[in-house]
Amino acid sequence: MGLYDKTYKSFAFGFEIEKIKSIALPLLALFVVLVIVFLASTAIAPKPIEARLLDNPLNLQKKPYTLLEVKVTNVTESDASDVNVIVEAANKEAIFIGPGLKEKKSLAIIERGQYRKLYFLVSPKSDIEEGSYLIKIKVSMNNKLFEENIGLIVKPH
């Protein structure tokens, strides 16, 4: 009975090498499949906040404002009532959101797994420097706070 003989028994456990291989390979394959399923499910799970600027980069010679579309999805375990959405610019001296420096909108209810789209007016000041500017979005629903940031690229000339 040699070391590489198929009938060699592991001295610690008393298993044959072939039996260990026949058990380990399916377990390894099952583990790989479970990891792939987990990664795929997290990749396709809806995000609570999705945002996009309709004109980005924004050329101020063509248009002095843009619209920010915010899609709010209820990813909590139950229907959400009194959902608050706050949008504000990090640099409030350069970017105006809505009629003031920040805009707050409320939604009466969003059912579990459903979404609503809101639109916000984003207006850079006329003497703004060229560059990128951060816009912060905060959503509170079912006692949870979700945050997302989006960058606006401004080209004044």
C-alpha atoms as a PDB file:
ATOM      1  CA  MET A   1       0.000   0.000   0.000  1.00  0.00           C
ATOM      2  CA  GLY A   2       1.799   3.106  -1.260  1.00  0.00           C
ATOM      3  CA  LEU A   3       1.340   6.746  -0.449  1.00  0.00           C
ATOM      4  CA  TYR A   4      -0.374   7.483  -3.795  1.00  0.00           C
ATOM      5  CA  ASP A   5      -2.337   4.280  -3.950  1.00  0.00           C
ATOM      6  CA  LYS A   6      -6.096   4.771  -4.421  1.00  0.00           C
ATOM      7  CA  THR A   7      -6.809   2.656  -1.376  1.00  0.00           C
ATOM      8  CA  TYR A   8      -4.605   4.804   0.849  1.00  0.00           C
ATOM      9  CA  LYS A   9      -6.444   5.838   3.980  1.00  0.00           C
ATOM     10  CA  SER A  10      -5.798   9.073   5.736  1.00  0.00           C
ATOM     11  CA  PHE A  11      -4.390   8.127   9.119  1.00  0.00           C
ATOM     12  CA  ALA A  12      -6.221  10.947  10.910  1.00  0.00           C
ATOM     13  CA  PHE A  13      -9.786  10.360   9.734  1.00  0.00           C
ATOM     14  CA  GLY A  14      -9.825   6.945   8.135  1.00  0.00           C
ATOM     15  CA  PHE A  15     -11.376   8.251   4.854  1.00  0.00           C
ATOM     16  CA  GLU A  16     -10.276   7.112   1.472  1.00  0.00           C
ATOM     17  CA  ILE A  17      -8.816   9.862  -0.735  1.00  0.00           C
ATOM     18  CA  GLU A  18     -11.300   9.141  -3.546  1.00  0.00           C
ATOM     19  CA  LYS A  19     -14.246   9.532  -1.169  1.00  0.00           C
ATOM     20  CA  ILE A  20     -12.872  12.848   0.069  1.00  0.00           C
ATOM     21  CA  LYS A  21     -12.540  14.057  -3.536  1.00  0.00           C
ATOM     22  CA  SER A  22     -16.061  12.922  -4.388  1.00  0.00           C
ATOM     23  CA  ILE A  23     -17.446  14.892  -1.430  1.00  0.00           C
ATOM     24  CA  ALA A  24     -15.217  17.988  -1.638  1.00  0.00           C
ATOM     25  CA  LEU A  25     -15.706  18.768  -5.331  1.00  0.00           C
ATOM     26  CA  PRO A  26     -19.523  19.013  -5.189  1.00  0.00           C
ATOM     27  CA  LEU A  27     -19.288  21.068  -1.990  1.00  0.00           C
ATOM     28  CA  LEU A  28     -16.841  23.437  -3.657  1.00  0.00           C
ATOM     29  CA  ALA A  29     -19.101  23.729  -6.715  1.00  0.00           C
ATOM     30  CA  LEU A  30     -22.108  24.426  -4.463  1.00  0.00           C
ATOM     31  CA  PHE A  31     -20.149  27.123  -2.626  1.00  0.00           C
ATOM     32  CA  VAL A  32     -19.182  28.806  -5.925  1.00  0.00           C
ATOM     33  CA  VAL A  33     -22.802  28.743  -7.129  1.00  0.00           C
ATOM     34  CA  LEU A  34     -24.029  30.256  -3.845  1.00  0.00           C
ATOM     35  CA  VAL A  35     -21.458  33.056  -4.059  1.00  0.00           C
ATOM     36  CA  ILE A  36     -22.511  33.828  -7.643  1.00  0.00           C
ATOM     37  CA  VAL A  37     -26.210  33.876  -6.677  1.00  0.00           C
ATOM     38  CA  PHE A  38     -25.494  36.175  -3.720  1.00  0.00           C
ATOM     39  CA  LEU A  39     -23.480  38.603  -5.847  1.00  0.00           C
ATOM     40  CA  ALA A  40     -26.119  38.624  -8.576  1.00  0.00           C
ATOM     41  CA  SER A  41     -28.954  39.259  -6.119  1.00  0.00           C
ATOM     42  CA  THR A  42     -27.173  42.238  -4.559  1.00  0.00           C
ATOM     43  CA  ALA A  43     -26.361  43.623  -8.002  1.00  0.00           C
ATOM     44  CA  ILE A  44     -29.977  43.569  -9.182  1.00  0.00           C
ATOM     45  CA  ALA A  45     -31.523  44.712  -5.892  1.00  0.00           C
ATOM     46  CA  PRO A  46     -33.078  48.166  -6.274  1.00  0.00           C
ATOM     47  CA  LYS A  47     -31.284  51.143  -4.790  1.00  0.00           C
ATOM     48  CA  PRO A  48     -33.290  53.420  -2.485  1.00  0.00           C
ATOM     49  CA  ILE A  49     -32.094  56.526  -4.398  1.00  0.00           C
ATOM     50  CA  GLU A  50     -31.242  56.824  -8.072  1.00  0.00           C
ATOM     51  CA  ALA A  51     -30.457  60.286  -9.398  1.00  0.00           C
ATOM     52  CA  ARG A  52     -29.580  61.758 -12.760  1.00  0.00           C
ATOM     53  CA  LEU A  53     -29.174  65.250 -14.131  1.00  0.00           C
ATOM     54  CA  LEU A  54     -30.968  65.734 -17.434  1.00  0.00           C
ATOM     55  CA  ASP A  55     -28.221  68.069 -18.733  1.00  0.00           C
ATOM     56  CA  ASN A  56     -24.799  67.067 -17.485  1.00  0.00           C
ATOM     57  CA  PRO A  57     -22.408  68.676 -18.292  1.00  0.00           C
ATOM     58  CA  LEU A  58     -24.405  71.890 -18.177  1.00  0.00           C
ATOM     59  CA  ASN A  59     -23.364  74.545 -20.693  1.00  0.00           C
ATOM     60  CA  LEU A  60     -24.666  77.833 -19.287  1.00  0.00           C
ATOM     61  CA  GLN A  61     -24.508  79.562 -22.676  1.00  0.00           C
ATOM     62  CA  LYS A  62     -27.156  77.157 -23.979  1.00  0.00           C
ATOM     63  CA  LYS A  63     -29.296  76.715 -20.849  1.00  0.00           C
ATOM     64  CA  PRO A  64     -29.078  78.394 -17.421  1.00  0.00           C
ATOM     65  CA  TYR A  65     -30.547  75.449 -15.468  1.00  0.00           C
ATOM     66  CA  THR A  66     -31.051  71.704 -15.485  1.00  0.00           C
ATOM     67  CA  LEU A  67     -33.449  69.267 -13.889  1.00  0.00           C
ATOM     68  CA  LEU A  68     -32.442  66.672 -11.331  1.00  0.00           C
ATOM     69  CA  GLU A  69     -34.520  63.504 -11.518  1.00  0.00           C
ATOM     70  CA  VAL A  70     -34.621  61.588  -8.236  1.00  0.00           C
ATOM     71  CA  LYS A  71     -36.123  58.099  -8.191  1.00  0.00           C
ATOM     72  CA  VAL A  72     -37.007  57.028  -4.643  1.00  0.00           C
ATOM     73  CA  THR A  73     -37.656  53.301  -4.152  1.00  0.00           C
ATOM     74  CA  ASN A  74     -39.072  51.826  -0.974  1.00  0.00           C
ATOM     75  CA  VAL A  75     -36.550  49.106  -0.112  1.00  0.00           C
ATOM     76  CA  THR A  76     -37.772  48.745   3.471  1.00  0.00           C
ATOM     77  CA  GLU A  77     -39.867  45.874   4.793  1.00  0.00           C
ATOM     78  CA  SER A  78     -43.197  47.745   4.842  1.00  0.00           C
ATOM     79  CA  ASP A  79     -45.100  50.576   3.190  1.00  0.00           C
ATOM     80  CA  ALA A  80     -43.502  53.954   3.890  1.00  0.00           C
ATOM     81  CA  SER A  81     -45.584  56.982   4.793  1.00  0.00           C
ATOM     82  CA  ASP A  82     -44.417  60.586   5.088  1.00  0.00           C
ATOM     83  CA  VAL A  83     -41.258  60.075   3.029  1.00  0.00           C
ATOM     84  CA  ASN A  84     -39.057  63.185   3.041  1.00  0.00           C
ATOM     85  CA  VAL A  85     -36.640  63.982   0.223  1.00  0.00           C
ATOM     86  CA  ILE A  86     -34.096  66.767   0.724  1.00  0.00           C
ATOM     87  CA  VAL A  87     -31.809  67.962  -2.062  1.00  0.00           C
ATOM     88  CA  GLU A  88     -29.085  70.507  -1.397  1.00  0.00           C
ATOM     89  CA  ALA A  89     -25.870  71.671  -3.003  1.00  0.00           C
ATOM     90  CA  ALA A  90     -22.634  71.279  -1.078  1.00  0.00           C
ATOM     91  CA  ASN A  91     -21.630  74.764  -2.320  1.00  0.00           C
ATOM     92  CA  LYS A  92     -24.781  76.766  -1.642  1.00  0.00           C
ATOM     93  CA  GLU A  93     -23.214  80.026  -2.848  1.00  0.00           C
ATOM     94  CA  ALA A  94     -22.732  78.594  -6.352  1.00  0.00           C
ATOM     95  CA  ILE A  95     -25.725  76.295  -6.916  1.00  0.00           C
ATOM     96  CA  PHE A  96     -29.399  76.941  -6.188  1.00  0.00           C
ATOM     97  CA  ILE A  97     -31.790  74.019  -5.760  1.00  0.00           C
ATOM     98  CA  GLY A  98     -35.434  74.829  -6.393  1.00  0.00           C
ATOM     99  CA  PRO A  99     -36.606  78.249  -5.312  1.00  0.00           C
ATOM    100  CA  GLY A 100     -34.173  78.364  -2.349  1.00  0.00           C
ATOM    101  CA  LEU A 101     -30.844  76.984  -1.226  1.00  0.00           C
ATOM    102  CA  LYS A 102     -32.281  73.540  -0.604  1.00  0.00           C
ATOM    103  CA  GLU A 103     -35.464  71.862  -1.619  1.00  0.00           C
ATOM    104  CA  LYS A 104     -37.557  69.499   0.481  1.00  0.00           C
ATOM    105  CA  LYS A 105     -40.421  67.448  -0.888  1.00  0.00           C
ATOM    106  CA  SER A 106     -42.635  64.958   0.897  1.00  0.00           C
ATOM    107  CA  LEU A 107     -44.423  61.897  -0.382  1.00  0.00           C
ATOM    108  CA  ALA A 108     -47.543  60.695   1.423  1.00  0.00           C
ATOM    109  CA  ILE A 109     -46.891  56.983   0.837  1.00  0.00           C
ATOM    110  CA  ILE A 110     -44.671  54.631  -1.136  1.00  0.00           C
ATOM    111  CA  GLU A 111     -45.708  51.004  -1.068  1.00  0.00           C
ATOM    112  CA  ARG A 112     -43.061  48.370  -0.349  1.00  0.00           C
ATOM    113  CA  GLY A 113     -41.017  47.705  -3.505  1.00  0.00           C
ATOM    114  CA  GLN A 114     -42.551  50.650  -5.419  1.00  0.00           C
ATOM    115  CA  TYR A 115     -40.942  53.930  -6.508  1.00  0.00           C
ATOM    116  CA  ARG A 116     -41.729  57.576  -7.157  1.00  0.00           C
ATOM    117  CA  LYS A 117     -39.888  60.086  -9.351  1.00  0.00           C
ATOM    118  CA  LEU A 118     -39.375  63.678  -8.269  1.00  0.00           C
ATOM    119  CA  TYR A 119     -37.832  66.560 -10.189  1.00  0.00           C
ATOM    120  CA  PHE A 120     -35.787  69.422  -8.789  1.00  0.00           C
ATOM    121  CA  LEU A 121     -34.621  72.596 -10.509  1.00  0.00           C
ATOM    122  CA  VAL A 122     -30.837  73.086 -10.349  1.00  0.00           C
ATOM    123  CA  SER A 123     -29.588  76.588 -11.229  1.00  0.00           C
ATOM    124  CA  PRO A 124     -25.942  77.620 -11.041  1.00  0.00           C
ATOM    125  CA  LYS A 125     -25.185  81.297 -10.427  1.00  0.00           C
ATOM    126  CA  SER A 126     -24.305  83.218 -13.582  1.00  0.00           C
ATOM    127  CA  ASP A 127     -20.753  84.001 -12.385  1.00  0.00           C
ATOM    128  CA  ILE A 128     -19.951  80.394 -11.435  1.00  0.00           C
ATOM    129  CA  GLU A 129     -16.505  78.953 -12.136  1.00  0.00           C
ATOM    130  CA  GLU A 130     -16.116  75.990 -14.472  1.00  0.00           C
ATOM    131  CA  GLY A 131     -15.901  72.706 -12.610  1.00  0.00           C
ATOM    132  CA  SER A 132     -17.827  69.963 -10.896  1.00  0.00           C
ATOM    133  CA  TYR A 133     -20.214  70.632  -8.024  1.00  0.00           C
ATOM    134  CA  LEU A 134     -21.638  68.150  -5.541  1.00  0.00           C
ATOM    135  CA  ILE A 135     -25.375  67.791  -4.954  1.00  0.00           C
ATOM    136  CA  LYS A 136     -26.530  65.817  -1.904  1.00  0.00           C
ATOM    137  CA  ILE A 137     -29.771  63.851  -1.774  1.00  0.00           C
ATOM    138  CA  LYS A 138     -31.208  62.583   1.519  1.00  0.00           C
ATOM    139  CA  VAL A 139     -34.304  60.429   1.879  1.00  0.00           C
ATOM    140  CA  SER A 140     -35.892  59.413   5.158  1.00  0.00           C
ATOM    141  CA  MET A 141     -38.442  56.611   5.138  1.00  0.00           C
ATOM    142  CA  ASN A 142     -39.546  54.217   7.847  1.00  0.00           C
ATOM    143  CA  ASN A 143     -37.053  55.726  10.316  1.00  0.00           C
ATOM    144  CA  LYS A 144     -34.127  55.021   7.986  1.00  0.00           C
ATOM    145  CA  LEU A 145     -31.939  57.631   6.313  1.00  0.00           C
ATOM    146  CA  PHE A 146     -30.572  57.039   2.813  1.00  0.00           C
ATOM    147  CA  GLU A 147     -28.051  59.332   1.126  1.00  0.00           C
ATOM    148  CA  GLU A 148     -26.728  59.705  -2.406  1.00  0.00           C
ATOM    149  CA  ASN A 149     -24.463  62.251  -4.060  1.00  0.00           C
ATOM    150  CA  ILE A 150     -24.322  63.336  -7.674  1.00  0.00           C
ATOM    151  CA  GLY A 151     -21.913  65.654  -9.423  1.00  0.00           C
ATOM    152  CA  LEU A 152     -22.933  68.492 -11.738  1.00  0.00           C
ATOM    153  CA  ILE A 153     -20.348  69.586 -14.291  1.00  0.00           C
ATOM    154  CA  VAL A 154     -20.719  73.273 -15.157  1.00  0.00           C
ATOM    155  CA  LYS A 155     -19.261  74.910 -18.268  1.00  0.00           C
ATOM    156  CA  PRO A 156     -19.964  78.651 -18.118  1.00  0.00           C
ATOM    157  CA  HIS A 157     -18.324  79.603 -21.456  1.00  0.00           C
END
